[in-house]
Amino acid sequence: MNFFVTGTDTDVGKSYICKHLAKEYVNMGKKTSYLKPFQSGIEKNIDSDATQVKKTAQGVVTKSSYVTNTPATPLISSEIDGVEYDLKKVKTDYDELSNNSDITIVEGSGGLYVPVKKDILMIDVIKYLNLPVLLVARPNLGTINHTLMSVKCLKGKGIKILGIVISNYPSETSDPVILRAKEMIEGFCDIKILDIIHKNQTDLKNLAQKLL
């Protein structure tokens, strides 16, 4: 089982979901690998997403195809740092990991329409790798709009959606927007919300099982 983790926006919890899913699969005895095709914003004393995954899920095999220093979209970061991305390398890295794993998790950068090259968006990378998607959304105001648009974009490209996860959900809230987010999202699209991950929740067994 291999899948691509993308988000409705940046900082919605993709990396958090990835590292704890990887931990669950390793604990299940699955040979697990993780690929971050484009990692930007890496400076001294800052761990990459791949490093964080490896620290959380001991035994997982990780790889980053391209690492740049400038904290920006992959396109801008690569231009400033003088790096030329080649999707063939990303595919080679993915194939090497997946051929030796039971499960390979690929994590995108930001949302679906983040520019990677002048004529390539993140959604094009997903299509190129031919992977189904786990869509990570935030719980608060704006999430309904962003989630529904993301679902429509994925469907428009013919990309399979495994489901939606709402991440960083507050333990206690009276906010009607947050309380009704799941109902509203599922009511306006035919994609199920597989799980709601609360703040600081590290047990993702339920989500991991649903994705198998």
C-alpha atoms as a PDB file:
ATOM      1  CA  MET A   1       0.000   0.000   0.000  1.00  0.00           C
ATOM      2  CA  ASN A   2       1.540   3.285  -1.123  1.00  0.00           C
ATOM      3  CA  PHE A   3      -0.010   6.737  -0.921  1.00  0.00           C
ATOM      4  CA  PHE A   4       0.685  10.460  -1.194  1.00  0.00           C
ATOM      5  CA  VAL A   5      -0.082  12.746   1.744  1.00  0.00           C
ATOM      6  CA  THR A   6      -1.108  16.238   0.676  1.00  0.00           C
ATOM      7  CA  GLY A   7      -2.819  19.101   2.463  1.00  0.00           C
ATOM      8  CA  THR A   8      -5.470  21.711   1.882  1.00  0.00           C
ATOM      9  CA  ASP A   9      -2.840  24.320   2.791  1.00  0.00           C
ATOM     10  CA  THR A  10       0.613  24.618   4.329  1.00  0.00           C
ATOM     11  CA  ASP A  11       1.124  23.791   8.026  1.00  0.00           C
ATOM     12  CA  VAL A  12      -2.032  21.680   8.277  1.00  0.00           C
ATOM     13  CA  GLY A  13      -0.265  18.725   9.891  1.00  0.00           C
ATOM     14  CA  LYS A  14       0.948  16.596   6.972  1.00  0.00           C
ATOM     15  CA  SER A  15       4.332  15.830   8.512  1.00  0.00           C
ATOM     16  CA  TYR A  16       2.776  15.039  11.889  1.00  0.00           C
ATOM     17  CA  ILE A  17       0.367  12.592  10.264  1.00  0.00           C
ATOM     18  CA  CYS A  18       3.160  11.031   8.181  1.00  0.00           C
ATOM     19  CA  LYS A  19       5.556  10.380  11.039  1.00  0.00           C
ATOM     20  CA  HIS A  20       2.930   8.860  13.317  1.00  0.00           C
ATOM     21  CA  LEU A  21       1.447   6.728  10.518  1.00  0.00           C
ATOM     22  CA  ALA A  22       4.960   5.492   9.748  1.00  0.00           C
ATOM     23  CA  LYS A  23       5.410   4.611  13.423  1.00  0.00           C
ATOM     24  CA  GLU A  24       2.149   2.629  13.440  1.00  0.00           C
ATOM     25  CA  TYR A  25       3.130   0.659  10.339  1.00  0.00           C
ATOM     26  CA  VAL A  26       6.584  -0.125  11.704  1.00  0.00           C
ATOM     27  CA  ASN A  27       4.952  -1.314  14.934  1.00  0.00           C
ATOM     28  CA  MET A  28       2.704  -3.584  12.845  1.00  0.00           C
ATOM     29  CA  GLY A  29       5.800  -5.212  11.405  1.00  0.00           C
ATOM     30  CA  LYS A  30       5.429  -3.581   7.985  1.00  0.00           C
ATOM     31  CA  LYS A  31       8.533  -2.619   6.043  1.00  0.00           C
ATOM     32  CA  THR A  32       7.868   1.111   5.814  1.00  0.00           C
ATOM     33  CA  SER A  33       9.500   3.882   3.821  1.00  0.00           C
ATOM     34  CA  TYR A  34       8.962   7.624   3.490  1.00  0.00           C
ATOM     35  CA  LEU A  35       9.798   9.979   0.631  1.00  0.00           C
ATOM     36  CA  LYS A  36       9.850  13.772   0.697  1.00  0.00           C
ATOM     37  CA  PRO A  37      10.401  14.789  -2.943  1.00  0.00           C
ATOM     38  CA  PHE A  38      10.976  18.495  -2.276  1.00  0.00           C
ATOM     39  CA  GLN A  39      12.239  19.708   1.103  1.00  0.00           C
ATOM     40  CA  SER A  40      12.834  23.429   1.400  1.00  0.00           C
ATOM     41  CA  GLY A  41      13.712  25.745   4.274  1.00  0.00           C
ATOM     42  CA  ILE A  42      16.382  23.542   5.831  1.00  0.00           C
ATOM     43  CA  GLU A  43      18.887  25.551   7.824  1.00  0.00           C
ATOM     44  CA  LYS A  44      21.325  24.780  10.654  1.00  0.00           C
ATOM     45  CA  ASN A  45      19.730  23.047  13.667  1.00  0.00           C
ATOM     46  CA  ILE A  46      16.416  22.508  11.859  1.00  0.00           C
ATOM     47  CA  ASP A  47      15.386  18.905  11.220  1.00  0.00           C
ATOM     48  CA  SER A  48      14.016  17.998   7.813  1.00  0.00           C
ATOM     49  CA  ASP A  49      10.654  16.241   7.609  1.00  0.00           C
ATOM     50  CA  ALA A  50      12.469  13.014   6.750  1.00  0.00           C
ATOM     51  CA  THR A  51      14.636  13.332   9.856  1.00  0.00           C
ATOM     52  CA  GLN A  52      11.571  13.900  12.038  1.00  0.00           C
ATOM     53  CA  VAL A  53       9.913  10.819  10.559  1.00  0.00           C
ATOM     54  CA  LYS A  54      13.016   8.712  11.213  1.00  0.00           C
ATOM     55  CA  LYS A  55      13.195   9.929  14.831  1.00  0.00           C
ATOM     56  CA  THR A  56       9.525   9.106  15.458  1.00  0.00           C
ATOM     57  CA  ALA A  57       9.342   5.834  13.549  1.00  0.00           C
ATOM     58  CA  GLN A  58      12.551   3.976  14.277  1.00  0.00           C
ATOM     59  CA  GLY A  59      13.172   1.473  11.528  1.00  0.00           C
ATOM     60  CA  VAL A  60      11.547   3.445   8.728  1.00  0.00           C
ATOM     61  CA  VAL A  61      13.646   4.099   5.609  1.00  0.00           C
ATOM     62  CA  THR A  62      13.538   7.750   4.543  1.00  0.00           C
ATOM     63  CA  LYS A  63      14.724   9.770   1.576  1.00  0.00           C
ATOM     64  CA  SER A  64      14.515  13.351   0.327  1.00  0.00           C
ATOM     65  CA  SER A  65      14.947  13.751  -3.427  1.00  0.00           C
ATOM     66  CA  TYR A  66      15.832  17.453  -3.234  1.00  0.00           C
ATOM     67  CA  VAL A  67      16.754  19.599  -0.227  1.00  0.00           C
ATOM     68  CA  THR A  68      17.033  23.391  -0.448  1.00  0.00           C
ATOM     69  CA  ASN A  69      17.728  26.053   2.166  1.00  0.00           C
ATOM     70  CA  THR A  70      15.396  28.871   1.193  1.00  0.00           C
ATOM     71  CA  PRO A  71      12.030  28.648   3.029  1.00  0.00           C
ATOM     72  CA  ALA A  72       9.660  29.045   0.086  1.00  0.00           C
ATOM     73  CA  THR A  73       7.650  27.055  -2.430  1.00  0.00           C
ATOM     74  CA  PRO A  74       9.763  24.417  -4.217  1.00  0.00           C
ATOM     75  CA  LEU A  75       9.940  26.530  -7.385  1.00  0.00           C
ATOM     76  CA  ILE A  76      11.129  29.729  -5.682  1.00  0.00           C
ATOM     77  CA  SER A  77      13.452  27.856  -3.334  1.00  0.00           C
ATOM     78  CA  SER A  78      15.080  25.968  -6.201  1.00  0.00           C
ATOM     79  CA  GLU A  79      15.558  29.144  -8.228  1.00  0.00           C
ATOM     80  CA  ILE A  80      17.215  30.993  -5.346  1.00  0.00           C
ATOM     81  CA  ASP A  81      19.384  28.022  -4.369  1.00  0.00           C
ATOM     82  CA  GLY A  82      20.294  27.139  -7.960  1.00  0.00           C
ATOM     83  CA  VAL A  83      18.785  23.642  -7.927  1.00  0.00           C
ATOM     84  CA  GLU A  84      17.182  22.036 -10.992  1.00  0.00           C
ATOM     85  CA  TYR A  85      14.416  19.554 -10.183  1.00  0.00           C
ATOM     86  CA  ASP A  86      13.994  16.436 -12.308  1.00  0.00           C
ATOM     87  CA  LEU A  87      10.811  14.425 -11.800  1.00  0.00           C
ATOM     88  CA  LYS A  88      12.578  11.350 -13.165  1.00  0.00           C
ATOM     89  CA  LYS A  89      14.820  11.403 -10.083  1.00  0.00           C
ATOM     90  CA  VAL A  90      11.758  11.653  -7.826  1.00  0.00           C
ATOM     91  CA  LYS A  91      10.247   8.641  -9.606  1.00  0.00           C
ATOM     92  CA  THR A  92      13.516   6.709  -9.299  1.00  0.00           C
ATOM     93  CA  ASP A  93      13.689   7.466  -5.573  1.00  0.00           C
ATOM     94  CA  TYR A  94      10.082   6.403  -5.144  1.00  0.00           C
ATOM     95  CA  ASP A  95      10.584   3.164  -7.080  1.00  0.00           C
ATOM     96  CA  GLU A  96      13.675   2.255  -5.047  1.00  0.00           C
ATOM     97  CA  LEU A  97      11.801   2.741  -1.779  1.00  0.00           C
ATOM     98  CA  SER A  98       8.538   1.109  -2.808  1.00  0.00           C
ATOM     99  CA  ASN A  99      10.239  -1.923  -4.364  1.00  0.00           C
ATOM    100  CA  ASN A 100      11.753  -2.730  -0.974  1.00  0.00           C
ATOM    101  CA  SER A 101       8.821  -1.798   1.267  1.00  0.00           C
ATOM    102  CA  ASP A 102       5.352  -2.970   2.192  1.00  0.00           C
ATOM    103  CA  ILE A 103       4.221   0.628   2.579  1.00  0.00           C
ATOM    104  CA  THR A 104       5.651   3.820   1.121  1.00  0.00           C
ATOM    105  CA  ILE A 105       4.397   7.220   2.262  1.00  0.00           C
ATOM    106  CA  VAL A 106       5.153  10.201   0.015  1.00  0.00           C
ATOM    107  CA  GLU A 107       4.673  13.668   1.492  1.00  0.00           C
ATOM    108  CA  GLY A 108       4.069  16.737  -0.619  1.00  0.00           C
ATOM    109  CA  SER A 109       4.956  20.356   0.132  1.00  0.00           C
ATOM    110  CA  GLY A 110       2.087  22.701   0.955  1.00  0.00           C
ATOM    111  CA  GLY A 111      -1.107  22.240  -1.033  1.00  0.00           C
ATOM    112  CA  LEU A 112      -2.004  20.916  -4.461  1.00  0.00           C
ATOM    113  CA  TYR A 113      -1.296  24.058  -6.459  1.00  0.00           C
ATOM    114  CA  VAL A 114       2.145  24.779  -5.005  1.00  0.00           C
ATOM    115  CA  PRO A 115       4.536  25.481  -7.909  1.00  0.00           C
ATOM    116  CA  VAL A 116       7.323  22.928  -8.315  1.00  0.00           C
ATOM    117  CA  LYS A 117       8.701  23.970 -11.708  1.00  0.00           C
ATOM    118  CA  LYS A 118       7.585  26.663 -14.131  1.00  0.00           C
ATOM    119  CA  ASP A 119       5.050  24.353 -15.714  1.00  0.00           C
ATOM    120  CA  ILE A 120       4.510  21.825 -12.903  1.00  0.00           C
ATOM    121  CA  LEU A 121       2.373  22.016  -9.758  1.00  0.00           C
ATOM    122  CA  MET A 122       2.360  19.594  -6.822  1.00  0.00           C
ATOM    123  CA  ILE A 123      -0.816  17.974  -8.134  1.00  0.00           C
ATOM    124  CA  ASP A 124       1.089  17.136 -11.336  1.00  0.00           C
ATOM    125  CA  VAL A 125       3.729  15.351  -9.254  1.00  0.00           C
ATOM    126  CA  ILE A 126       1.007  13.239  -7.628  1.00  0.00           C
ATOM    127  CA  LYS A 127      -0.398  12.369 -11.049  1.00  0.00           C
ATOM    128  CA  TYR A 128       3.087  11.562 -12.363  1.00  0.00           C
ATOM    129  CA  LEU A 129       3.726   9.137  -9.497  1.00  0.00           C
ATOM    130  CA  ASN A 130       0.251   7.651 -10.016  1.00  0.00           C
ATOM    131  CA  LEU A 131      -0.508   7.500  -6.290  1.00  0.00           C
ATOM    132  CA  PRO A 132      -3.787   7.706  -4.351  1.00  0.00           C
ATOM    133  CA  VAL A 133      -4.079  10.604  -1.925  1.00  0.00           C
ATOM    134  CA  LEU A 134      -4.704  11.079   1.772  1.00  0.00           C
ATOM    135  CA  LEU A 135      -5.893  14.672   2.149  1.00  0.00           C
ATOM    136  CA  VAL A 136      -5.077  16.449   5.422  1.00  0.00           C
ATOM    137  CA  ALA A 137      -7.266  19.401   6.435  1.00  0.00           C
ATOM    138  CA  ARG A 138      -7.329  21.791   9.357  1.00  0.00           C
ATOM    139  CA  PRO A 139     -10.420  22.117  11.587  1.00  0.00           C
ATOM    140  CA  ASN A 140     -11.053  25.868  11.735  1.00  0.00           C
ATOM    141  CA  LEU A 141     -12.595  28.636   9.631  1.00  0.00           C
ATOM    142  CA  GLY A 142     -11.841  28.249   5.914  1.00  0.00           C
ATOM    143  CA  THR A 143     -11.360  24.501   5.993  1.00  0.00           C
ATOM    144  CA  ILE A 144     -14.663  23.683   4.272  1.00  0.00           C
ATOM    145  CA  ASN A 145     -13.805  25.863   1.285  1.00  0.00           C
ATOM    146  CA  HIS A 146     -10.199  24.656   1.032  1.00  0.00           C
ATOM    147  CA  THR A 147     -11.121  21.005   1.450  1.00  0.00           C
ATOM    148  CA  LEU A 148     -13.922  20.986  -1.113  1.00  0.00           C
ATOM    149  CA  MET A 149     -11.753  22.787  -3.658  1.00  0.00           C
ATOM    150  CA  SER A 150      -8.904  20.336  -3.065  1.00  0.00           C
ATOM    151  CA  VAL A 151     -11.250  17.382  -3.579  1.00  0.00           C
ATOM    152  CA  LYS A 152     -12.559  18.902  -6.815  1.00  0.00           C
ATOM    153  CA  CYS A 153      -9.024  19.506  -8.109  1.00  0.00           C
ATOM    154  CA  LEU A 154      -7.949  15.928  -7.358  1.00  0.00           C
ATOM    155  CA  LYS A 155     -11.042  14.484  -9.027  1.00  0.00           C
ATOM    156  CA  GLY A 156     -10.456  16.713 -12.033  1.00  0.00           C
ATOM    157  CA  LYS A 157      -7.040  15.105 -12.482  1.00  0.00           C
ATOM    158  CA  GLY A 158      -8.457  11.617 -12.052  1.00  0.00           C
ATOM    159  CA  ILE A 159      -6.516  11.070  -8.824  1.00  0.00           C
ATOM    160  CA  LYS A 160      -7.973   8.586  -6.340  1.00  0.00           C
ATOM    161  CA  ILE A 161      -8.743  10.017  -2.894  1.00  0.00           C
ATOM    162  CA  LEU A 162      -8.422   7.532  -0.039  1.00  0.00           C
ATOM    163  CA  GLY A 163     -10.087   9.913   2.376  1.00  0.00           C
ATOM    164  CA  ILE A 164      -9.744  13.080   4.412  1.00  0.00           C
ATOM    165  CA  VAL A 165      -8.164  13.585   7.829  1.00  0.00           C
ATOM    166  CA  ILE A 166      -8.881  16.596  10.017  1.00  0.00           C
ATOM    167  CA  SER A 167      -5.693  17.342  11.925  1.00  0.00           C
ATOM    168  CA  ASN A 168      -4.850  19.393  15.021  1.00  0.00           C
ATOM    169  CA  TYR A 169      -8.428  19.252  16.332  1.00  0.00           C
ATOM    170  CA  PRO A 170      -8.831  21.034  19.707  1.00  0.00           C
ATOM    171  CA  SER A 171      -9.676  18.854  22.703  1.00  0.00           C
ATOM    172  CA  GLU A 172     -12.407  21.235  23.814  1.00  0.00           C
ATOM    173  CA  THR A 173     -14.222  23.738  21.633  1.00  0.00           C
ATOM    174  CA  SER A 174     -17.570  25.492  21.351  1.00  0.00           C
ATOM    175  CA  ASP A 175     -16.746  26.916  17.919  1.00  0.00           C
ATOM    176  CA  PRO A 176     -19.625  25.884  15.599  1.00  0.00           C
ATOM    177  CA  VAL A 177     -17.306  26.044  12.585  1.00  0.00           C
ATOM    178  CA  ILE A 178     -15.023  23.397  14.085  1.00  0.00           C
ATOM    179  CA  LEU A 179     -17.847  21.310  15.518  1.00  0.00           C
ATOM    180  CA  ARG A 180     -19.631  21.122  12.167  1.00  0.00           C
ATOM    181  CA  ALA A 181     -16.613  20.888   9.846  1.00  0.00           C
ATOM    182  CA  LYS A 182     -16.881  17.112   9.391  1.00  0.00           C
ATOM    183  CA  GLU A 183     -20.631  17.280   8.710  1.00  0.00           C
ATOM    184  CA  MET A 184     -20.262  20.119   6.211  1.00  0.00           C
ATOM    185  CA  ILE A 185     -17.350  18.590   4.302  1.00  0.00           C
ATOM    186  CA  GLU A 186     -18.952  15.169   3.980  1.00  0.00           C
ATOM    187  CA  GLY A 187     -22.290  16.773   3.125  1.00  0.00           C
ATOM    188  CA  PHE A 188     -20.855  18.560   0.095  1.00  0.00           C
ATOM    189  CA  CYS A 189     -18.605  15.826  -1.289  1.00  0.00           C
ATOM    190  CA  ASP A 190     -18.658  12.047  -1.480  1.00  0.00           C
ATOM    191  CA  ILE A 191     -15.293  11.594   0.248  1.00  0.00           C
ATOM    192  CA  LYS A 192     -15.321  10.305   3.805  1.00  0.00           C
ATOM    193  CA  ILE A 193     -13.381  11.822   6.678  1.00  0.00           C
ATOM    194  CA  LEU A 194     -11.399   8.812   7.863  1.00  0.00           C
ATOM    195  CA  ASP A 195     -10.356  10.264  11.191  1.00  0.00           C
ATOM    196  CA  ILE A 196     -10.138  13.377  13.354  1.00  0.00           C
ATOM    197  CA  ILE A 197      -6.710  13.744  14.937  1.00  0.00           C
ATOM    198  CA  HIS A 198      -6.672  15.819  18.110  1.00  0.00           C
ATOM    199  CA  LYS A 199      -3.815  18.090  19.185  1.00  0.00           C
ATOM    200  CA  ASN A 200      -0.860  16.073  20.516  1.00  0.00           C
ATOM    201  CA  GLN A 201      -2.559  12.760  19.623  1.00  0.00           C
ATOM    202  CA  THR A 202       0.121  10.205  18.785  1.00  0.00           C
ATOM    203  CA  ASP A 203      -2.020   7.064  18.513  1.00  0.00           C
ATOM    204  CA  LEU A 204      -3.008   6.773  14.844  1.00  0.00           C
ATOM    205  CA  LYS A 205      -3.749   3.036  14.823  1.00  0.00           C
ATOM    206  CA  ASN A 206      -7.325   3.594  13.672  1.00  0.00           C
ATOM    207  CA  LEU A 207      -6.269   5.682  10.670  1.00  0.00           C
ATOM    208  CA  ALA A 208      -3.383   3.355   9.830  1.00  0.00           C
ATOM    209  CA  GLN A 209      -5.730   0.345   9.722  1.00  0.00           C
ATOM    210  CA  LYS A 210      -8.259   2.149   7.531  1.00  0.00           C
ATOM    211  CA  LEU A 211      -5.592   2.932   4.944  1.00  0.00           C
ATOM    212  CA  LEU A 212      -4.427  -0.678   4.571  1.00  0.00           C
END
